[in-house]
Amino acid sequence: MVTIARIVHSLGGIAQKQQLVARGARDLDLTRAFRSGSVIRARQGWYSTLPEDDLRVRAVRVGGRLTGISAIEALGGWVLEHTVLHVSVPVNAARQRSPVNRFVPLRRRGDVELHWDPPDLSERGDASTVAIRDALRRVILDESFEQAVAALDWALRTGTIDDFDLEAILLTVSRELRHIRDWVDPRCESLPESLARTRLRAAGHHVVSQVRLDETGEREDLVVDGQIGIDVDGREFHERFFERDRNKDGVVNRAGLHAMRPSAASVFRRWDGLQRAVTVALAARGFAPPSEIQGFGTPRRRRVPRLRATGPPLRPNS
């Protein structure tokens, strides 16, 4: 008997029946594999070795492929908590199904966002996910500005895309949205760092990422207005690194910066308080806030394409 699970796994964990038949699978082999539990049926004619709740399985069950922020999440990208499943479907697609039950028609559209994409898009990517360029384009179009910046930071940081890919993506969106290029930083190392940088810049601060502090190579995540060094700590357990972190704070202070070490939770859930702390620290150093630097009554703002409100308190995707 052909090992169906092994073939499906070699095809990325999801495969159509035609692909399996082309590799020697018979109907009897498929039936046996399904009944033994070595594969699941994501949809009629689709087999998978992935868990039932995997985003890729859910998208195929609907009748399409992952796109947008859902595709970035499946790839391990930097994503804020997201509940809507973004699915790319062909313009002529029909019979969409529930993402959790292949026998139930799709009715609750609030759980699924369908994107009716042109034929050429279906030629890119794989069986379960659109190409990374197409997914990131959807993120720029659909998500909050800070989420879009974070996704692009991740993609560049990890080498998932390069500068050429970024320019190609931006050529497919409106001229206004192309200004996101000036906000992306491939040196960024984490989601909370990306969010903090974007929010501080939007408030008018000058922010530099991954600044080298001394000859030992110690770096600070963010330096704000040349005065404050921010090291965003996303570790779950801090005790193990207590001594190292205290030593680094000394390096930051010797570099002439005010050291701040906010947790990732502070960035996600208590941003207003953290931003006020930055303002107070700057004032203590006699450094004027952005509005006074510009001589206006309101804070200086760089051009921010579609900087949407982010709604309820933010939580990192687990």
Protein backbone atom coordinates (compact mmCIF):
# COMPACT_ATOMS: atom_id res chain seq x y z
CA MET A 1 0.00 0.00 0.00
CA VAL A 2 1.21 3.48 -0.87
CA THR A 3 1.97 5.49 2.30
CA ILE A 4 -0.54 8.31 1.77
CA ALA A 5 0.47 10.25 4.86
CA ARG A 6 4.09 10.35 3.73
CA ILE A 7 3.13 11.65 0.29
CA VAL A 8 0.81 14.30 1.74
CA HIS A 9 3.52 15.39 4.17
CA SER A 10 6.01 15.72 1.33
CA LEU A 11 3.55 18.02 -0.45
CA GLY A 12 3.42 20.43 2.50
CA GLY A 13 0.80 18.68 4.61
CA ILE A 14 -2.12 19.30 2.25
CA ALA A 15 -2.75 17.69 -1.14
CA GLN A 16 -5.50 17.23 -3.68
CA LYS A 17 -6.62 13.76 -4.70
CA GLN A 18 -5.30 14.30 -8.22
CA GLN A 19 -1.80 14.90 -6.85
CA LEU A 20 -1.94 11.68 -4.85
CA VAL A 21 -3.32 9.62 -7.73
CA ALA A 22 -0.49 10.93 -9.93
CA ARG A 23 1.92 9.49 -7.36
CA GLY A 24 0.35 6.04 -7.39
CA ALA A 25 -2.41 6.33 -4.80
CA ARG A 26 -5.60 4.31 -5.34
CA ASP A 27 -9.05 5.02 -3.93
CA LEU A 28 -8.61 2.06 -1.59
CA ASP A 29 -5.33 3.54 -0.28
CA LEU A 30 -7.02 6.89 0.38
CA THR A 31 -9.93 5.25 2.17
CA ARG A 32 -7.64 3.19 4.38
CA ALA A 33 -5.47 6.20 5.23
CA PHE A 34 -8.52 8.25 6.19
CA ARG A 35 -10.08 5.48 8.31
CA SER A 36 -6.79 4.83 10.10
CA GLY A 37 -6.53 8.51 11.02
CA SER A 38 -3.15 9.02 9.34
CA VAL A 39 -4.76 11.72 7.17
CA ILE A 40 -7.88 13.86 7.45
CA ARG A 41 -10.21 15.12 4.75
CA ALA A 42 -10.05 18.91 4.83
CA ARG A 43 -12.63 19.07 2.04
CA GLN A 44 -13.96 16.73 -0.61
CA GLY A 45 -10.94 15.67 -2.63
CA TRP A 46 -8.43 17.25 -0.21
CA TYR A 47 -6.29 15.34 2.28
CA SER A 48 -4.08 16.64 5.08
CA THR A 49 -1.69 15.50 7.79
CA LEU A 50 -2.02 18.83 9.63
CA PRO A 51 -4.15 19.32 12.75
CA GLU A 52 -7.86 20.00 12.19
CA ASP A 53 -7.56 23.54 13.58
CA ASP A 54 -4.50 24.49 11.51
CA LEU A 55 -5.21 27.74 9.64
CA ARG A 56 -4.21 26.15 6.35
CA VAL A 57 -6.70 23.31 6.82
CA ARG A 58 -9.43 25.78 7.74
CA ALA A 59 -8.79 27.85 4.60
CA VAL A 60 -8.88 24.80 2.34
CA ARG A 61 -12.06 23.63 4.08
CA VAL A 62 -13.68 26.97 3.21
CA GLY A 63 -12.69 26.43 -0.43
CA GLY A 64 -9.64 28.62 -0.86
CA ARG A 65 -6.19 29.43 0.47
CA LEU A 66 -4.82 31.52 3.31
CA THR A 67 -4.05 35.13 2.51
CA GLY A 68 -3.37 38.40 4.31
CA ILE A 69 -2.63 38.40 8.00
CA SER A 70 -3.82 34.78 8.35
CA ALA A 71 -1.06 33.67 5.96
CA ILE A 72 1.51 35.67 7.93
CA GLU A 73 0.31 34.07 11.17
CA ALA A 74 0.60 30.57 9.67
CA LEU A 75 4.18 31.35 8.62
CA GLY A 76 5.09 32.38 12.17
CA GLY A 77 5.11 36.12 11.48
CA TRP A 78 4.60 38.94 13.96
CA VAL A 79 0.85 39.16 14.34
CA LEU A 80 -1.42 40.79 16.91
CA GLU A 81 -4.31 38.66 18.11
CA HIS A 82 -6.48 38.04 15.07
CA THR A 83 -9.81 36.26 14.91
CA VAL A 84 -10.94 36.62 11.29
CA LEU A 85 -9.73 34.00 8.82
CA HIS A 86 -8.64 35.62 5.54
CA VAL A 87 -9.21 33.30 2.60
CA SER A 88 -8.37 33.86 -1.06
CA VAL A 89 -10.89 32.28 -3.42
CA PRO A 90 -11.06 32.33 -7.24
CA VAL A 91 -13.55 34.73 -8.79
CA ASN A 92 -15.64 31.78 -10.00
CA ALA A 93 -15.50 29.84 -6.71
CA ALA A 94 -18.70 28.37 -5.28
CA ARG A 95 -19.89 26.22 -2.37
CA GLN A 96 -17.80 27.79 0.37
CA ARG A 97 -17.92 25.74 3.58
CA SER A 98 -17.56 26.44 7.27
CA PRO A 99 -13.88 26.55 8.32
CA VAL A 100 -14.65 24.06 11.10
CA ASN A 101 -17.02 21.66 9.31
CA ARG A 102 -16.70 20.67 5.66
CA PHE A 103 -20.34 19.54 5.54
CA VAL A 104 -21.80 22.92 6.61
CA PRO A 105 -22.17 25.81 4.12
CA LEU A 106 -20.39 29.04 5.04
CA ARG A 107 -22.96 31.32 6.65
CA ARG A 108 -21.22 33.25 9.43
CA ARG A 109 -19.16 35.61 7.30
CA GLY A 110 -17.99 37.44 10.43
CA ASP A 111 -15.51 34.61 11.07
CA VAL A 112 -14.18 34.51 7.52
CA GLU A 113 -13.09 37.30 5.18
CA LEU A 114 -13.27 36.15 1.55
CA HIS A 115 -11.04 37.80 -1.04
CA TRP A 116 -12.16 37.15 -4.61
CA ASP A 117 -8.84 37.15 -6.41
CA PRO A 118 -8.00 37.10 -10.14
CA PRO A 119 -6.80 33.94 -11.92
CA ASP A 120 -3.14 34.98 -12.06
CA LEU A 121 -2.95 35.03 -8.25
CA SER A 122 -3.99 31.37 -8.06
CA GLU A 123 -0.86 30.47 -10.03
CA ARG A 124 1.37 31.72 -7.21
CA GLY A 125 1.92 30.20 -3.77
CA ASP A 126 1.03 26.63 -2.88
CA ALA A 127 -2.07 24.53 -2.30
CA SER A 128 -2.95 26.14 1.03
CA THR A 129 -1.39 29.61 1.02
CA VAL A 130 -1.00 32.44 -1.47
CA ALA A 131 2.47 33.73 -2.33
CA ILE A 132 4.11 35.83 0.40
CA ARG A 133 4.03 38.99 -1.75
CA ASP A 134 0.28 38.63 -2.26
CA ALA A 135 -0.27 37.97 1.45
CA LEU A 136 1.73 41.05 2.49
CA ARG A 137 -0.09 43.20 -0.05
CA ARG A 138 -3.38 42.22 1.59
CA VAL A 139 -1.93 43.07 5.00
CA ILE A 140 -1.04 46.58 3.81
CA LEU A 141 -4.54 47.02 2.37
CA ASP A 142 -6.56 45.47 5.21
CA GLU A 143 -4.76 45.80 8.53
CA SER A 144 -3.89 48.67 10.84
CA PHE A 145 -0.79 50.60 9.87
CA GLU A 146 1.26 49.39 12.84
CA GLN A 147 0.34 45.76 12.11
CA ALA A 148 1.34 46.19 8.48
CA VAL A 149 4.69 47.68 9.51
CA ALA A 150 5.28 44.78 11.95
CA ALA A 151 4.52 42.17 9.28
CA LEU A 152 6.95 43.81 6.85
CA ASP A 153 9.58 44.18 9.60
CA TRP A 154 9.30 40.43 10.23
CA ALA A 155 9.40 39.51 6.55
CA LEU A 156 12.56 41.54 5.94
CA ARG A 157 14.21 40.55 9.22
CA THR A 158 13.80 36.83 8.53
CA GLY A 159 14.71 37.05 4.85
CA THR A 160 11.22 35.93 3.84
CA ILE A 161 11.33 38.85 1.39
CA ASP A 162 14.10 41.21 0.31
CA ASP A 163 14.17 44.87 -0.69
CA PHE A 164 13.30 43.99 -4.28
CA ASP A 165 10.21 42.08 -3.12
CA LEU A 166 9.15 45.03 -0.95
CA GLU A 167 9.37 47.44 -3.86
CA ALA A 168 7.42 45.02 -6.05
CA ILE A 169 4.67 44.80 -3.42
CA LEU A 170 4.48 48.58 -3.02
CA LEU A 171 4.07 49.05 -6.77
CA THR A 172 0.74 47.22 -6.49
CA VAL A 173 -0.79 49.57 -3.87
CA SER A 174 -1.80 53.22 -3.99
CA ARG A 175 0.84 55.95 -3.92
CA GLU A 176 -0.30 57.04 -0.46
CA LEU A 177 0.25 53.59 1.03
CA ARG A 178 3.76 53.34 -0.44
CA HIS A 179 4.97 55.68 2.31
CA ILE A 180 4.97 52.66 4.60
CA ARG A 181 8.43 51.99 3.10
CA ASP A 182 9.82 54.79 5.30
CA TRP A 183 8.52 53.12 8.46
CA VAL A 184 9.81 49.58 7.97
CA ASP A 185 13.09 48.53 9.62
CA PRO A 186 14.71 45.13 8.90
CA ARG A 187 16.91 45.53 12.00
CA CYS A 188 13.85 45.13 14.23
CA GLU A 189 13.96 41.95 16.33
CA SER A 190 10.45 41.49 17.76
CA LEU A 191 6.78 42.42 17.52
CA PRO A 192 6.71 44.64 20.66
CA GLU A 193 9.85 46.42 19.47
CA SER A 194 8.20 47.09 16.10
CA LEU A 195 5.01 48.39 17.71
CA ALA A 196 6.90 50.64 20.13
CA ARG A 197 9.00 52.10 17.33
CA THR A 198 6.02 52.82 15.10
CA ARG A 199 3.94 54.37 17.90
CA LEU A 200 6.77 56.57 19.13
CA ARG A 201 7.51 57.77 15.61
CA ALA A 202 3.82 58.47 15.03
CA ALA A 203 3.90 60.63 18.18
CA GLY A 204 6.69 62.68 16.63
CA HIS A 205 9.77 61.18 18.27
CA HIS A 206 12.98 60.39 16.44
CA VAL A 207 13.67 56.68 16.94
CA VAL A 208 16.70 54.61 15.92
CA SER A 209 16.70 50.80 16.11
CA GLN A 210 19.44 48.45 17.34
CA VAL A 211 21.96 51.09 18.38
CA ARG A 212 25.44 49.88 19.28
CA LEU A 213 26.35 51.15 22.74
CA ASP A 214 30.02 50.26 23.20
CA GLU A 215 32.94 48.26 21.92
CA THR A 216 31.55 45.03 23.40
CA GLY A 217 28.80 45.03 20.80
CA GLU A 218 25.94 45.63 23.26
CA ARG A 219 22.94 47.05 21.45
CA GLU A 220 19.82 48.87 22.56
CA ASP A 221 16.52 48.03 20.86
CA LEU A 222 15.44 51.65 20.49
CA VAL A 223 17.01 55.04 21.16
CA VAL A 224 14.40 57.80 21.42
CA ASP A 225 15.37 61.40 20.58
CA GLY A 226 18.97 60.57 21.40
CA GLN A 227 18.06 60.57 25.10
CA ILE A 228 16.29 57.35 26.10
CA GLY A 229 17.40 53.79 25.56
CA ILE A 230 14.49 51.34 25.44
CA ASP A 231 15.08 47.59 25.64
CA VAL A 232 11.75 45.79 25.20
CA ASP A 233 11.83 42.61 27.26
CA GLY A 234 9.63 39.89 25.79
CA ARG A 235 10.97 37.02 27.87
CA GLU A 236 8.51 35.13 30.01
CA PHE A 237 11.00 34.44 32.78
CA HIS A 238 13.25 37.34 33.75
CA GLU A 239 15.07 36.02 36.83
CA ARG A 240 17.53 34.00 34.77
CA PHE A 241 18.69 37.17 33.01
CA PHE A 242 18.53 39.55 35.97
CA GLU A 243 22.30 40.04 36.34
CA ARG A 244 22.86 40.43 32.62
CA ASP A 245 20.05 42.96 32.30
CA ARG A 246 21.37 45.04 35.21
CA ASN A 247 24.82 45.09 33.62
CA LYS A 248 23.31 46.23 30.36
CA ASP A 249 21.44 49.06 32.11
CA GLY A 250 24.83 50.25 33.34
CA VAL A 251 26.15 50.23 29.77
CA VAL A 252 23.11 52.26 28.64
CA ASN A 253 23.63 54.85 31.39
CA ARG A 254 27.35 55.14 30.64
CA ALA A 255 26.38 55.82 27.02
CA GLY A 256 24.54 58.90 28.29
CA LEU A 257 21.04 57.50 27.89
CA HIS A 258 18.16 57.09 30.31
CA ALA A 259 17.54 53.32 30.50
CA MET A 260 14.01 51.95 30.23
CA ARG A 261 13.16 48.26 30.17
CA PRO A 262 9.41 47.86 29.51
CA SER A 263 7.91 44.40 29.18
CA ALA A 264 6.17 43.24 26.05
CA ALA A 265 2.93 43.31 28.06
CA SER A 266 3.44 47.04 28.66
CA VAL A 267 3.63 47.60 24.91
CA PHE A 268 0.62 45.39 24.18
CA ARG A 269 -1.70 46.40 27.02
CA ARG A 270 -0.45 49.52 28.78
CA TRP A 271 0.92 51.65 25.99
CA ASP A 272 -0.50 54.99 27.22
CA GLY A 273 1.34 54.64 30.50
CA LEU A 274 4.58 53.72 28.77
CA GLN A 275 4.34 56.67 26.41
CA ARG A 276 3.74 59.04 29.34
CA ALA A 277 6.82 57.58 31.05
CA VAL A 278 8.87 58.42 27.94
CA THR A 279 7.55 62.00 27.99
CA VAL A 280 8.37 62.41 31.69
CA ALA A 281 11.87 61.00 31.22
CA LEU A 282 12.53 63.40 28.36
CA ALA A 283 11.23 66.34 30.39
CA ALA A 284 13.51 65.39 33.30
CA ARG A 285 16.43 65.70 30.91
CA GLY A 286 15.23 69.10 29.74
CA PHE A 287 14.30 67.73 26.36
CA ALA A 288 11.29 69.40 24.75
CA PRO A 289 8.39 67.19 23.63
CA PRO A 290 7.75 66.90 19.87
CA SER A 291 5.15 69.70 19.81
CA GLU A 292 7.61 72.18 21.31
CA ILE A 293 10.39 71.08 18.98
CA GLN A 294 8.20 72.10 16.07
CA GLY A 295 6.84 75.19 17.76
CA PHE A 296 3.23 74.13 17.28
CA GLY A 297 0.45 73.42 19.73
CA THR A 298 0.00 69.81 18.60
CA PRO A 299 2.57 67.05 18.33
CA ARG A 300 4.53 66.76 15.14
CA ARG A 301 3.29 63.84 13.04
CA ARG A 302 5.00 62.16 10.15
CA ARG A 303 2.89 61.05 7.25
CA VAL A 304 1.12 57.92 8.47
CA PRO A 305 -0.98 56.13 5.83
CA ARG A 306 -4.24 54.98 7.36
CA LEU A 307 -3.12 54.79 10.98
CA ARG A 308 -6.22 53.04 12.31
CA ALA A 309 -7.24 52.65 15.90
CA THR A 310 -6.30 49.19 17.14
CA GLY A 311 -9.47 48.60 19.15
CA PRO A 312 -9.36 46.64 22.42
CA PRO A 313 -6.14 46.00 24.34
CA LEU A 314 -3.58 44.24 22.23
CA ARG A 315 -2.28 40.77 22.92
CA PRO A 316 0.49 38.91 21.12
CA ASN A 317 -0.50 35.90 19.12
CA SER A 318 0.43 32.75 21.01
